[in-house]
Amino acid sequence: MFIILTSSILISSLILMIFLLTTMISKKTKFSKEKNSPFECGFNQMSNARKPFSIHFFLVATLFLIFDIEISIIIPMTSLKMVSINQWMIFSLTTMMILIVGLIHEWNNGMLEWSK
C-alpha cells in the first residue's frame, strides 16, 4: 500500500513539474493594446466594451450575500437546541443581534433606498 501511495505521489509531482516547465518555456510576453482589446469586425472600436456599473447595485448585492450567509447560519439553529439551552440562546441572540445591527447600520446609511 505504501509503495502505491509513494509512486502515485511521485508520478503526480513529475507531471506537475512537466506542466510548469512547459508553461515557463512557451510563455509569450508580447502584449499589445489592439490584441487585448475586444474584437469589432476588424475596425477600431467605437465605444468602450465595459458598460458603466452602478456602485449602489454592487453594494446591495454585497449586502444580500452577507445577510444570506447569516440566514444560512440561522437555519441549523433548530438542531442545536438539543446541545444546551444556554449555548443555543447565546448563539441565537448573538446572530440575531449581528443581523439587527447590520440592518440598522445600512438603513441609517440609506443603502436600502434604491433611488433618492
PDB file of N, CA and C in Angstrom:
ATOM      1  N   MET A   1       0.825  -1.190   0.000  1.00  0.00           N
ATOM      2  CA  MET A   1       0.000   0.000   0.000  1.00  0.00           C
ATOM      3  C   MET A   1       0.869   1.255   0.000  1.00  0.00           C
ATOM      4  N   PHE A   2       1.944   1.217   0.788  1.00  0.00           N
ATOM      5  CA  PHE A   2       2.839   2.366   0.861  1.00  0.00           C
ATOM      6  C   PHE A   2       3.532   2.609  -0.473  1.00  0.00           C
ATOM      7  N   ILE A   3       3.871   1.561  -1.178  1.00  0.00           N
ATOM      8  CA  ILE A   3       4.551   1.686  -2.471  1.00  0.00           C
ATOM      9  C   ILE A   3       3.617   2.329  -3.493  1.00  0.00           C
ATOM     10  N   ILE A   4       2.354   1.966  -3.473  1.00  0.00           N
ATOM     11  CA  ILE A   4       1.390   2.554  -4.407  1.00  0.00           C
ATOM     12  C   ILE A   4       1.207   4.033  -4.121  1.00  0.00           C
ATOM     13  N   LEU A   5       1.096   4.396  -2.849  1.00  0.00           N
ATOM     14  CA  LEU A   5       0.934   5.795  -2.469  1.00  0.00           C
ATOM     15  C   LEU A   5       2.158   6.606  -2.855  1.00  0.00           C
ATOM     16  N   THR A   6       3.327   6.097  -2.567  1.00  0.00           N
ATOM     17  CA  THR A   6       4.566   6.801  -2.891  1.00  0.00           C
ATOM     18  C   THR A   6       4.728   6.961  -4.395  1.00  0.00           C
ATOM     19  N   SER A   7       4.459   5.917  -5.142  1.00  0.00           N
ATOM     20  CA  SER A   7       4.621   6.012  -6.593  1.00  0.00           C
ATOM     21  C   SER A   7       3.600   6.964  -7.204  1.00  0.00           C
ATOM     22  N   SER A   8       2.379   6.995  -6.691  1.00  0.00           N
ATOM     23  CA  SER A   8       1.386   7.925  -7.236  1.00  0.00           C
ATOM     24  C   SER A   8       1.747   9.371  -6.909  1.00  0.00           C
ATOM     25  N   ILE A   9       2.311   9.613  -5.734  1.00  0.00           N
ATOM     26  CA  ILE A   9       2.754  10.966  -5.387  1.00  0.00           C
ATOM     27  C   ILE A   9       3.921  11.376  -6.274  1.00  0.00           C
ATOM     28  N   LEU A  10       4.854  10.488  -6.519  1.00  0.00           N
ATOM     29  CA  LEU A  10       5.989  10.804  -7.388  1.00  0.00           C
ATOM     30  C   LEU A  10       5.549  11.063  -8.822  1.00  0.00           C
ATOM     31  N   ILE A  11       4.654  10.254  -9.329  1.00  0.00           N
ATOM     32  CA  ILE A  11       4.168  10.455 -10.695  1.00  0.00           C
ATOM     33  C   ILE A  11       3.399  11.766 -10.804  1.00  0.00           C
ATOM     34  N   SER A  12       2.579  12.079  -9.815  1.00  0.00           N
ATOM     35  CA  SER A  12       1.837  13.343  -9.818  1.00  0.00           C
ATOM     36  C   SER A  12       2.784  14.529  -9.754  1.00  0.00           C
ATOM     37  N   SER A  13       3.815  14.444  -8.937  1.00  0.00           N
ATOM     38  CA  SER A  13       4.800  15.519  -8.838  1.00  0.00           C
ATOM     39  C   SER A  13       5.554  15.686 -10.147  1.00  0.00           C
ATOM     40  N   LEU A  14       5.897  14.593 -10.788  1.00  0.00           N
ATOM     41  CA  LEU A  14       6.600  14.650 -12.065  1.00  0.00           C
ATOM     42  C   LEU A  14       5.727  15.294 -13.140  1.00  0.00           C
ATOM     43  N   ILE A  15       4.463  14.934 -13.193  1.00  0.00           N
ATOM     44  CA  ILE A  15       3.549  15.537 -14.169  1.00  0.00           C
ATOM     45  C   ILE A  15       3.381  17.026 -13.896  1.00  0.00           C
ATOM     46  N   LEU A  16       3.277  17.405 -12.634  1.00  0.00           N
ATOM     47  CA  LEU A  16       3.164  18.814 -12.277  1.00  0.00           C
ATOM     48  C   LEU A  16       4.401  19.593 -12.699  1.00  0.00           C
ATOM     49  N   MET A  17       5.566  19.035 -12.475  1.00  0.00           N
ATOM     50  CA  MET A  17       6.813  19.700 -12.878  1.00  0.00           C
ATOM     51  C   MET A  17       6.892  19.846 -14.397  1.00  0.00           C
ATOM     52  N   ILE A  18       6.443  18.837 -15.127  1.00  0.00           N
ATOM     53  CA  ILE A  18       6.444  18.927 -16.593  1.00  0.00           C
ATOM     54  C   ILE A  18       5.497  20.030 -17.059  1.00  0.00           C
ATOM     55  N   PHE A  19       4.315  20.121 -16.460  1.00  0.00           N
ATOM     56  CA  PHE A  19       3.374  21.176 -16.819  1.00  0.00           C
ATOM     57  C   PHE A  19       3.949  22.558 -16.526  1.00  0.00           C
ATOM     58  N   LEU A  20       4.558  22.724 -15.368  1.00  0.00           N
ATOM     59  CA  LEU A  20       5.149  24.017 -15.013  1.00  0.00           C
ATOM     60  C   LEU A  20       6.296  24.381 -15.942  1.00  0.00           C
ATOM     61  N   LEU A  21       7.123  23.413 -16.276  1.00  0.00           N
ATOM     62  CA  LEU A  21       8.250  23.657 -17.168  1.00  0.00           C
ATOM     63  C   LEU A  21       7.778  24.047 -18.565  1.00  0.00           C
ATOM     64  N   THR A  22       6.798  23.346 -19.101  1.00  0.00           N
ATOM     65  CA  THR A  22       6.297  23.700 -20.435  1.00  0.00           C
ATOM     66  C   THR A  22       5.596  25.050 -20.430  1.00  0.00           C
ATOM     67  N   THR A  23       4.959  25.408 -19.333  1.00  0.00           N
ATOM     68  CA  THR A  23       4.328  26.722 -19.242  1.00  0.00           C
ATOM     69  C   THR A  23       5.374  27.828 -19.250  1.00  0.00           C
ATOM     70  N   MET A  24       6.458  27.647 -18.518  1.00  0.00           N
ATOM     71  CA  MET A  24       7.501  28.675 -18.474  1.00  0.00           C
ATOM     72  C   MET A  24       8.252  28.768 -19.795  1.00  0.00           C
ATOM     73  N   ILE A  25       8.439  27.667 -20.475  1.00  0.00           N
ATOM     74  CA  ILE A  25       9.175  27.689 -21.741  1.00  0.00           C
ATOM     75  C   ILE A  25       8.343  28.337 -22.842  1.00  0.00           C
ATOM     76  N   SER A  26       7.072  28.030 -22.910  1.00  0.00           N
ATOM     77  CA  SER A  26       6.245  28.511 -24.017  1.00  0.00           C
ATOM     78  C   SER A  26       5.498  29.797 -23.699  1.00  0.00           C
ATOM     79  N   LYS A  27       5.868  30.497 -22.676  1.00  0.00           N
ATOM     80  CA  LYS A  27       5.158  31.704 -22.281  1.00  0.00           C
ATOM     81  C   LYS A  27       5.473  32.842 -23.241  1.00  0.00           C
ATOM     82  N   LYS A  28       4.435  33.464 -23.772  1.00  0.00           N
ATOM     83  CA  LYS A  28       4.602  34.607 -24.659  1.00  0.00           C
ATOM     84  C   LYS A  28       4.481  35.876 -23.823  1.00  0.00           C
ATOM     85  N   THR A  29       5.395  36.797 -24.028  1.00  0.00           N
ATOM     86  CA  THR A  29       5.402  38.012 -23.218  1.00  0.00           C
ATOM     87  C   THR A  29       5.062  39.255 -24.018  1.00  0.00           C
ATOM     88  N   LYS A  30       4.701  39.112 -25.275  1.00  0.00           N
ATOM     89  CA  LYS A  30       4.363  40.276 -26.085  1.00  0.00           C
ATOM     90  C   LYS A  30       2.884  40.606 -25.907  1.00  0.00           C
ATOM     91  N   PHE A  31       2.634  41.801 -25.403  1.00  0.00           N
ATOM     92  CA  PHE A  31       1.272  42.265 -25.239  1.00  0.00           C
ATOM     93  C   PHE A  31       1.098  43.527 -26.059  1.00  0.00           C
ATOM     94  N   SER A  32      -0.003  43.638 -26.742  1.00  0.00           N
ATOM     95  CA  SER A  32      -0.300  44.870 -27.457  1.00  0.00           C
ATOM     96  C   SER A  32      -1.721  45.294 -27.116  1.00  0.00           C
ATOM     97  N   LYS A  33      -1.951  46.582 -27.187  1.00  0.00           N
ATOM     98  CA  LYS A  33      -3.259  47.116 -26.834  1.00  0.00           C
ATOM     99  C   LYS A  33      -4.335  46.600 -27.783  1.00  0.00           C
ATOM    100  N   GLU A  34      -4.004  46.479 -29.047  1.00  0.00           N
ATOM    101  CA  GLU A  34      -5.004  46.068 -30.024  1.00  0.00           C
ATOM    102  C   GLU A  34      -5.325  44.585 -29.926  1.00  0.00           C
ATOM    103  N   LYS A  35      -4.348  43.767 -29.573  1.00  0.00           N
ATOM    104  CA  LYS A  35      -4.630  42.341 -29.434  1.00  0.00           C
ATOM    105  C   LYS A  35      -5.446  42.048 -28.178  1.00  0.00           C
ATOM    106  N   ASN A  36      -5.312  42.879 -27.177  1.00  0.00           N
ATOM    107  CA  ASN A  36      -6.055  42.667 -25.938  1.00  0.00           C
ATOM    108  C   ASN A  36      -7.400  43.383 -25.923  1.00  0.00           C
ATOM    109  N   SER A  37      -7.685  44.198 -26.927  1.00  0.00           N
ATOM    110  CA  SER A  37      -8.958  44.909 -26.974  1.00  0.00           C
ATOM    111  C   SER A  37     -10.038  44.008 -27.563  1.00  0.00           C
ATOM    112  N   PRO A  38     -11.318  44.308 -27.278  1.00  0.00           N
ATOM    113  CA  PRO A  38     -12.391  43.486 -27.834  1.00  0.00           C
ATOM    114  C   PRO A  38     -12.446  43.601 -29.355  1.00  0.00           C
ATOM    115  N   PHE A  39     -12.881  42.556 -30.006  1.00  0.00           N
ATOM    116  CA  PHE A  39     -12.894  42.477 -31.461  1.00  0.00           C
ATOM    117  C   PHE A  39     -14.190  43.043 -32.008  1.00  0.00           C
ATOM    118  N   GLU A  40     -14.092  44.001 -32.946  1.00  0.00           N
ATOM    119  CA  GLU A  40     -15.265  44.566 -33.600  1.00  0.00           C
ATOM    120  C   GLU A  40     -15.072  44.515 -35.107  1.00  0.00           C
ATOM    121  N   CYS A  41     -15.089  43.356 -35.679  1.00  0.00           N
ATOM    122  CA  CYS A  41     -15.069  43.133 -37.125  1.00  0.00           C
ATOM    123  C   CYS A  41     -13.882  43.795 -37.817  1.00  0.00           C
ATOM    124  N   GLY A  42     -12.765  43.906 -37.178  1.00  0.00           N
ATOM    125  CA  GLY A  42     -11.573  44.445 -37.801  1.00  0.00           C
ATOM    126  C   GLY A  42     -11.472  45.953 -37.778  1.00  0.00           C
ATOM    127  N   PHE A  43     -12.500  46.658 -37.341  1.00  0.00           N
ATOM    128  CA  PHE A  43     -12.464  48.110 -37.281  1.00  0.00           C
ATOM    129  C   PHE A  43     -12.005  48.553 -35.903  1.00  0.00           C
ATOM    130  N   ASN A  44     -11.630  49.814 -35.807  1.00  0.00           N
ATOM    131  CA  ASN A  44     -11.326  50.368 -34.489  1.00  0.00           C
ATOM    132  C   ASN A  44     -12.608  50.365 -33.661  1.00  0.00           C
ATOM    133  N   GLN A  45     -12.452  50.152 -32.408  1.00  0.00           N
ATOM    134  CA  GLN A  45     -13.645  50.049 -31.572  1.00  0.00           C
ATOM    135  C   GLN A  45     -14.355  51.389 -31.476  1.00  0.00           C
ATOM    136  N   MET A  46     -15.684  51.307 -31.504  1.00  0.00           N
ATOM    137  CA  MET A  46     -16.500  52.519 -31.487  1.00  0.00           C
ATOM    138  C   MET A  46     -16.702  53.042 -30.065  1.00  0.00           C
ATOM    139  N   SER A  47     -16.817  52.140 -29.124  1.00  0.00           N
ATOM    140  CA  SER A  47     -17.031  52.552 -27.740  1.00  0.00           C
ATOM    141  C   SER A  47     -16.321  51.569 -26.828  1.00  0.00           C
ATOM    142  N   ASN A  48     -16.294  51.902 -25.582  1.00  0.00           N
ATOM    143  CA  ASN A  48     -15.666  51.029 -24.606  1.00  0.00           C
ATOM    144  C   ASN A  48     -16.524  49.778 -24.424  1.00  0.00           C
ATOM    145  N   ALA A  49     -15.897  48.625 -24.326  1.00  0.00           N
ATOM    146  CA  ALA A  49     -16.633  47.368 -24.190  1.00  0.00           C
ATOM    147  C   ALA A  49     -17.243  47.221 -22.806  1.00  0.00           C
ATOM    148  N   ARG A  50     -16.721  47.912 -21.848  1.00  0.00           N
ATOM    149  CA  ARG A  50     -17.240  47.811 -20.486  1.00  0.00           C
ATOM    150  C   ARG A  50     -18.318  48.859 -20.273  1.00  0.00           C
ATOM    151  N   LYS A  51     -19.447  48.408 -19.800  1.00  0.00           N
ATOM    152  CA  LYS A  51     -20.560  49.306 -19.519  1.00  0.00           C
ATOM    153  C   LYS A  51     -20.401  49.875 -18.116  1.00  0.00           C
ATOM    154  N   PRO A  52     -20.901  51.088 -17.885  1.00  0.00           N
ATOM    155  CA  PRO A  52     -20.816  51.641 -16.528  1.00  0.00           C
ATOM    156  C   PRO A  52     -21.628  50.795 -15.557  1.00  0.00           C
ATOM    157  N   PHE A  53     -21.108  50.651 -14.366  1.00  0.00           N
ATOM    158  CA  PHE A  53     -21.711  49.771 -13.370  1.00  0.00           C
ATOM    159  C   PHE A  53     -22.087  50.598 -12.154  1.00  0.00           C
ATOM    160  N   SER A  54     -23.309  50.445 -11.718  1.00  0.00           N
ATOM    161  CA  SER A  54     -23.793  51.193 -10.567  1.00  0.00           C
ATOM    162  C   SER A  54     -23.156  50.652  -9.287  1.00  0.00           C
ATOM    163  N   ILE A  55     -22.469  51.521  -8.564  1.00  0.00           N
ATOM    164  CA  ILE A  55     -21.832  51.104  -7.319  1.00  0.00           C
ATOM    165  C   ILE A  55     -22.892  50.769  -6.271  1.00  0.00           C
ATOM    166  N   HIS A  56     -24.039  51.422  -6.364  1.00  0.00           N
ATOM    167  CA  HIS A  56     -25.114  51.127  -5.420  1.00  0.00           C
ATOM    168  C   HIS A  56     -25.621  49.697  -5.610  1.00  0.00           C
ATOM    169  N   PHE A  57     -25.734  49.271  -6.852  1.00  0.00           N
ATOM    170  CA  PHE A  57     -26.145  47.891  -7.125  1.00  0.00           C
ATOM    171  C   PHE A  57     -25.128  46.913  -6.549  1.00  0.00           C
ATOM    172  N   PHE A  58     -23.845  47.221  -6.692  1.00  0.00           N
ATOM    173  CA  PHE A  58     -22.801  46.358  -6.146  1.00  0.00           C
ATOM    174  C   PHE A  58     -22.909  46.261  -4.627  1.00  0.00           C
ATOM    175  N   LEU A  59     -23.158  47.375  -3.959  1.00  0.00           N
ATOM    176  CA  LEU A  59     -23.278  47.370  -2.500  1.00  0.00           C
ATOM    177  C   LEU A  59     -24.515  46.600  -2.037  1.00  0.00           C
ATOM    178  N   VAL A  60     -25.619  46.734  -2.760  1.00  0.00           N
ATOM    179  CA  VAL A  60     -26.823  45.983  -2.395  1.00  0.00           C
ATOM    180  C   VAL A  60     -26.594  44.492  -2.595  1.00  0.00           C
ATOM    181  N   ALA A  61     -25.895  44.122  -3.668  1.00  0.00           N
ATOM    182  CA  ALA A  61     -25.588  42.705  -3.898  1.00  0.00           C
ATOM    183  C   ALA A  61     -24.680  42.162  -2.801  1.00  0.00           C
ATOM    184  N   THR A  62     -23.715  42.967  -2.355  1.00  0.00           N
ATOM    185  CA  THR A  62     -22.837  42.548  -1.267  1.00  0.00           C
ATOM    186  C   THR A  62     -23.632  42.372   0.028  1.00  0.00           C
ATOM    187  N   LEU A  63     -24.540  43.303   0.290  1.00  0.00           N
ATOM    188  CA  LEU A  63     -25.406  43.176   1.470  1.00  0.00           C
ATOM    189  C   LEU A  63     -26.242  41.908   1.403  1.00  0.00           C
ATOM    190  N   PHE A  64     -26.768  41.624   0.229  1.00  0.00           N
ATOM    191  CA  PHE A  64     -27.566  40.408   0.078  1.00  0.00           C
ATOM    192  C   PHE A  64     -26.736  39.175   0.402  1.00  0.00           C
ATOM    193  N   LEU A  65     -25.506  39.128  -0.083  1.00  0.00           N
ATOM    194  CA  LEU A  65     -24.658  37.969   0.188  1.00  0.00           C
ATOM    195  C   LEU A  65     -24.358  37.829   1.675  1.00  0.00           C
ATOM    196  N   ILE A  66     -24.055  38.946   2.327  1.00  0.00           N
ATOM    197  CA  ILE A  66     -23.733  38.897   3.756  1.00  0.00           C
ATOM    198  C   ILE A  66     -24.943  38.422   4.560  1.00  0.00           C
ATOM    199  N   PHE A  67     -26.109  39.007   4.295  1.00  0.00           N
ATOM    200  CA  PHE A  67     -27.295  38.611   5.048  1.00  0.00           C
ATOM    201  C   PHE A  67     -27.756  37.211   4.658  1.00  0.00           C
ATOM    202  N   ASP A  68     -27.499  36.794   3.438  1.00  0.00           N
ATOM    203  CA  ASP A  68     -27.847  35.437   3.028  1.00  0.00           C
ATOM    204  C   ASP A  68     -27.003  34.415   3.779  1.00  0.00           C
ATOM    205  N   ILE A  69     -25.741  34.727   3.991  1.00  0.00           N
ATOM    206  CA  ILE A  69     -24.878  33.837   4.775  1.00  0.00           C
ATOM    207  C   ILE A  69     -25.366  33.777   6.219  1.00  0.00           C
ATOM    208  N   GLU A  70     -25.778  34.909   6.753  1.00  0.00           N
ATOM    209  CA  GLU A  70     -26.308  34.915   8.119  1.00  0.00           C
ATOM    210  C   GLU A  70     -27.578  34.071   8.219  1.00  0.00           C
ATOM    211  N   ILE A  71     -28.420  34.135   7.218  1.00  0.00           N
ATOM    212  CA  ILE A  71     -29.636  33.317   7.223  1.00  0.00           C
ATOM    213  C   ILE A  71     -29.283  31.838   7.161  1.00  0.00           C
ATOM    214  N   SER A  72     -28.256  31.497   6.386  1.00  0.00           N
ATOM    215  CA  SER A  72     -27.854  30.086   6.322  1.00  0.00           C
ATOM    216  C   SER A  72     -27.242  29.625   7.642  1.00  0.00           C
ATOM    217  N   ILE A  73     -26.773  30.542   8.465  1.00  0.00           N
ATOM    218  CA  ILE A  73     -26.305  30.184   9.809  1.00  0.00           C
ATOM    219  C   ILE A  73     -27.500  29.991  10.746  1.00  0.00           C
ATOM    220  N   ILE A  74     -28.568  30.744  10.529  1.00  0.00           N
ATOM    221  CA  ILE A  74     -29.743  30.655  11.397  1.00  0.00           C
ATOM    222  C   ILE A  74     -30.491  29.338  11.189  1.00  0.00           C
ATOM    223  N   ILE A  75     -30.535  28.836   9.973  1.00  0.00           N
ATOM    224  CA  ILE A  75     -31.337  27.644   9.667  1.00  0.00           C
ATOM    225  C   ILE A  75     -30.972  26.440  10.538  1.00  0.00           C
ATOM    226  N   PRO A  76     -29.688  26.098  10.736  1.00  0.00           N
ATOM    227  CA  PRO A  76     -29.411  24.918  11.567  1.00  0.00           C
ATOM    228  C   PRO A  76     -29.572  25.147  13.069  1.00  0.00           C
ATOM    229  N   MET A  77     -29.987  26.333  13.497  1.00  0.00           N
ATOM    230  CA  MET A  77     -30.135  26.580  14.930  1.00  0.00           C
ATOM    231  C   MET A  77     -31.224  25.718  15.553  1.00  0.00           C
ATOM    232  N   THR A  78     -32.159  25.231  14.762  1.00  0.00           N
ATOM    233  CA  THR A  78     -33.201  24.373  15.327  1.00  0.00           C
ATOM    234  C   THR A  78     -32.632  23.044  15.799  1.00  0.00           C
ATOM    235  N   SER A  79     -31.595  22.563  15.140  1.00  0.00           N
ATOM    236  CA  SER A  79     -30.993  21.299  15.574  1.00  0.00           C
ATOM    237  C   SER A  79     -30.011  21.499  16.728  1.00  0.00           C
ATOM    238  N   LEU A  80     -29.611  22.733  17.002  1.00  0.00           N
ATOM    239  CA  LEU A  80     -28.692  22.993  18.109  1.00  0.00           C
ATOM    240  C   LEU A  80     -29.407  23.088  19.455  1.00  0.00           C
ATOM    241  N   LYS A  81     -30.724  23.070  19.463  1.00  0.00           N
ATOM    242  CA  LYS A  81     -31.454  23.162  20.727  1.00  0.00           C
ATOM    243  C   LYS A  81     -31.139  22.007  21.658  1.00  0.00           C
ATOM    244  N   MET A  82     -30.799  20.868  21.114  1.00  0.00           N
ATOM    245  CA  MET A  82     -30.566  19.686  21.938  1.00  0.00           C
ATOM    246  C   MET A  82     -29.206  19.696  22.621  1.00  0.00           C
ATOM    247  N   VAL A  83     -28.314  20.581  22.226  1.00  0.00           N
ATOM    248  CA  VAL A  83     -26.982  20.609  22.822  1.00  0.00           C
ATOM    249  C   VAL A  83     -27.061  21.164  24.236  1.00  0.00           C
ATOM    250  N   SER A  84     -27.376  22.417  24.350  1.00  0.00           N
ATOM    251  CA  SER A  84     -27.521  23.067  25.648  1.00  0.00           C
ATOM    252  C   SER A  84     -28.367  24.313  25.424  1.00  0.00           C
ATOM    253  N   ILE A  85     -29.335  24.522  26.275  1.00  0.00           N
ATOM    254  CA  ILE A  85     -30.235  25.656  26.081  1.00  0.00           C
ATOM    255  C   ILE A  85     -29.499  26.987  26.237  1.00  0.00           C
ATOM    256  N   ASN A  86     -28.511  27.036  27.135  1.00  0.00           N
ATOM    257  CA  ASN A  86     -27.755  28.278  27.334  1.00  0.00           C
ATOM    258  C   ASN A  86     -26.895  28.599  26.114  1.00  0.00           C
ATOM    259  N   GLN A  87     -26.206  27.601  25.590  1.00  0.00           N
ATOM    260  CA  GLN A  87     -25.387  27.831  24.399  1.00  0.00           C
ATOM    261  C   GLN A  87     -26.256  28.205  23.208  1.00  0.00           C
ATOM    262  N   TRP A  88     -27.405  27.557  23.084  1.00  0.00           N
ATOM    263  CA  TRP A  88     -28.303  27.850  21.979  1.00  0.00           C
ATOM    264  C   TRP A  88     -28.819  29.278  22.062  1.00  0.00           C
ATOM    265  N   MET A  89     -29.178  29.727  23.255  1.00  0.00           N
ATOM    266  CA  MET A  89     -29.679  31.093  23.430  1.00  0.00           C
ATOM    267  C   MET A  89     -28.597  32.122  23.130  1.00  0.00           C
ATOM    268  N   ILE A  90     -27.381  31.874  23.612  1.00  0.00           N
ATOM    269  CA  ILE A  90     -26.279  32.809  23.356  1.00  0.00           C
ATOM    270  C   ILE A  90     -25.991  32.891  21.863  1.00  0.00           C
ATOM    271  N   PHE A  91     -25.927  31.752  21.203  1.00  0.00           N
ATOM    272  CA  PHE A  91     -25.641  31.722  19.770  1.00  0.00           C
ATOM    273  C   PHE A  91     -26.742  32.408  18.967  1.00  0.00           C
ATOM    274  N   SER A  92     -27.991  32.106  19.285  1.00  0.00           N
ATOM    275  CA  SER A  92     -29.094  32.689  18.518  1.00  0.00           C
ATOM    276  C   SER A  92     -29.224  34.186  18.775  1.00  0.00           C
ATOM    277  N   LEU A  93     -29.056  34.620  20.020  1.00  0.00           N
ATOM    278  CA  LEU A  93     -29.136  36.055  20.311  1.00  0.00           C
ATOM    279  C   LEU A  93     -27.983  36.823  19.669  1.00  0.00           C
ATOM    280  N   THR A  94     -26.785  36.242  19.685  1.00  0.00           N
ATOM    281  CA  THR A  94     -25.642  36.896  19.044  1.00  0.00           C
ATOM    282  C   THR A  94     -25.858  37.021  17.542  1.00  0.00           C
ATOM    283  N   THR A  95     -26.339  35.967  16.926  1.00  0.00           N
ATOM    284  CA  THR A  95     -26.584  36.004  15.486  1.00  0.00           C
ATOM    285  C   THR A  95     -27.668  37.014  15.140  1.00  0.00           C
ATOM    286  N   MET A  96     -28.736  37.035  15.897  1.00  0.00           N
ATOM    287  CA  MET A  96     -29.816  37.989  15.643  1.00  0.00           C
ATOM    288  C   MET A  96     -29.363  39.428  15.881  1.00  0.00           C
ATOM    289  N   MET A  97     -28.532  39.643  16.897  1.00  0.00           N
ATOM    290  CA  MET A  97     -28.030  40.996  17.150  1.00  0.00           C
ATOM    291  C   MET A  97     -27.136  41.470  16.008  1.00  0.00           C
ATOM    292  N   ILE A  98     -26.316  40.581  15.474  1.00  0.00           N
ATOM    293  CA  ILE A  98     -25.477  40.951  14.329  1.00  0.00           C
ATOM    294  C   ILE A  98     -26.352  41.343  13.148  1.00  0.00           C
ATOM    295  N   LEU A  99     -27.399  40.577  12.896  1.00  0.00           N
ATOM    296  CA  LEU A  99     -28.309  40.900  11.794  1.00  0.00           C
ATOM    297  C   LEU A  99     -29.029  42.225  12.021  1.00  0.00           C
ATOM    298  N   ILE A 100     -29.509  42.450  13.227  1.00  0.00           N
ATOM    299  CA  ILE A 100     -30.255  43.678  13.519  1.00  0.00           C
ATOM    300  C   ILE A 100     -29.343  44.895  13.463  1.00  0.00           C
ATOM    301  N   VAL A 101     -28.149  44.796  14.033  1.00  0.00           N
ATOM    302  CA  VAL A 101     -27.206  45.923  13.992  1.00  0.00           C
ATOM    303  C   VAL A 101     -26.802  46.224  12.548  1.00  0.00           C
ATOM    304  N   GLY A 102     -26.567  45.192  11.751  1.00  0.00           N
ATOM    305  CA  GLY A 102     -26.232  45.398  10.339  1.00  0.00           C
ATOM    306  C   GLY A 102     -27.364  46.050   9.576  1.00  0.00           C
ATOM    307  N   LEU A 103     -28.599  45.624   9.849  1.00  0.00           N
ATOM    308  CA  LEU A 103     -29.753  46.213   9.180  1.00  0.00           C
ATOM    309  C   LEU A 103     -29.933  47.676   9.568  1.00  0.00           C
ATOM    310  N   ILE A 104     -29.788  47.992  10.845  1.00  0.00           N
ATOM    311  CA  ILE A 104     -29.916  49.386  11.298  1.00  0.00           C
ATOM    312  C   ILE A 104     -28.811  50.250  10.696  1.00  0.00           C
ATOM    313  N   HIS A 105     -27.605  49.729  10.648  1.00  0.00           N
ATOM    314  CA  HIS A 105     -26.489  50.482  10.068  1.00  0.00           C
ATOM    315  C   HIS A 105     -26.740  50.785   8.589  1.00  0.00           C
ATOM    316  N   GLU A 106     -27.191  49.795   7.852  1.00  0.00           N
ATOM    317  CA  GLU A 106     -27.457  50.010   6.433  1.00  0.00           C
ATOM    318  C   GLU A 106     -28.659  50.916   6.220  1.00  0.00           C
ATOM    319  N   TRP A 107     -29.627  50.840   7.080  1.00  0.00           N
ATOM    320  CA  TRP A 107     -30.788  51.711   6.981  1.00  0.00           C
ATOM    321  C   TRP A 107     -30.391  53.161   7.239  1.00  0.00           C
ATOM    322  N   ASN A 108     -29.546  53.400   8.255  1.00  0.00           N
ATOM    323  CA  ASN A 108     -29.094  54.754   8.563  1.00  0.00           C
ATOM    324  C   ASN A 108     -28.222  55.332   7.453  1.00  0.00           C
ATOM    325  N   ASN A 109     -27.473  54.497   6.760  1.00  0.00           N
ATOM    326  CA  ASN A 109     -26.636  54.974   5.656  1.00  0.00           C
ATOM    327  C   ASN A 109     -27.419  55.162   4.366  1.00  0.00           C
ATOM    328  N   GLY A 110     -28.671  54.766   4.343  1.00  0.00           N
ATOM    329  CA  GLY A 110     -29.504  54.935   3.158  1.00  0.00           C
ATOM    330  C   GLY A 110     -29.250  53.907   2.076  1.00  0.00           C
ATOM    331  N   MET A 111     -28.672  52.783   2.443  1.00  0.00           N
ATOM    332  CA  MET A 111     -28.352  51.766   1.441  1.00  0.00           C
ATOM    333  C   MET A 111     -29.578  50.986   0.994  1.00  0.00           C
ATOM    334  N   LEU A 112     -30.643  51.016   1.754  1.00  0.00           N
ATOM    335  CA  LEU A 112     -31.823  50.244   1.401  1.00  0.00           C
ATOM    336  C   LEU A 112     -32.746  50.995   0.453  1.00  0.00           C
ATOM    337  N   GLU A 113     -32.466  52.265   0.187  1.00  0.00           N
ATOM    338  CA  GLU A 113     -33.260  53.049  -0.754  1.00  0.00           C
ATOM    339  C   GLU A 113     -32.597  52.968  -2.121  1.00  0.00           C
ATOM    340  N   TRP A 114     -33.341  52.475  -3.111  1.00  0.00           N
ATOM    341  CA  TRP A 114     -32.747  52.293  -4.433  1.00  0.00           C
ATOM    342  C   TRP A 114     -32.560  53.635  -5.138  1.00  0.00           C
ATOM    343  N   SER A 115     -33.544  54.511  -5.094  1.00  0.00           N
ATOM    344  CA  SER A 115     -33.397  55.836  -5.709  1.00  0.00           C
ATOM    345  C   SER A 115     -33.801  56.886  -4.691  1.00  0.00           C
ATOM    346  N   LYS A 116     -33.112  58.011  -4.736  1.00  0.00           N
ATOM    347  CA  LYS A 116     -33.356  59.058  -3.741  1.00  0.00           C
ATOM    348  C   LYS A 116     -34.119  60.207  -4.338  1.00  0.00           C
TER     349      LYS A 116
END
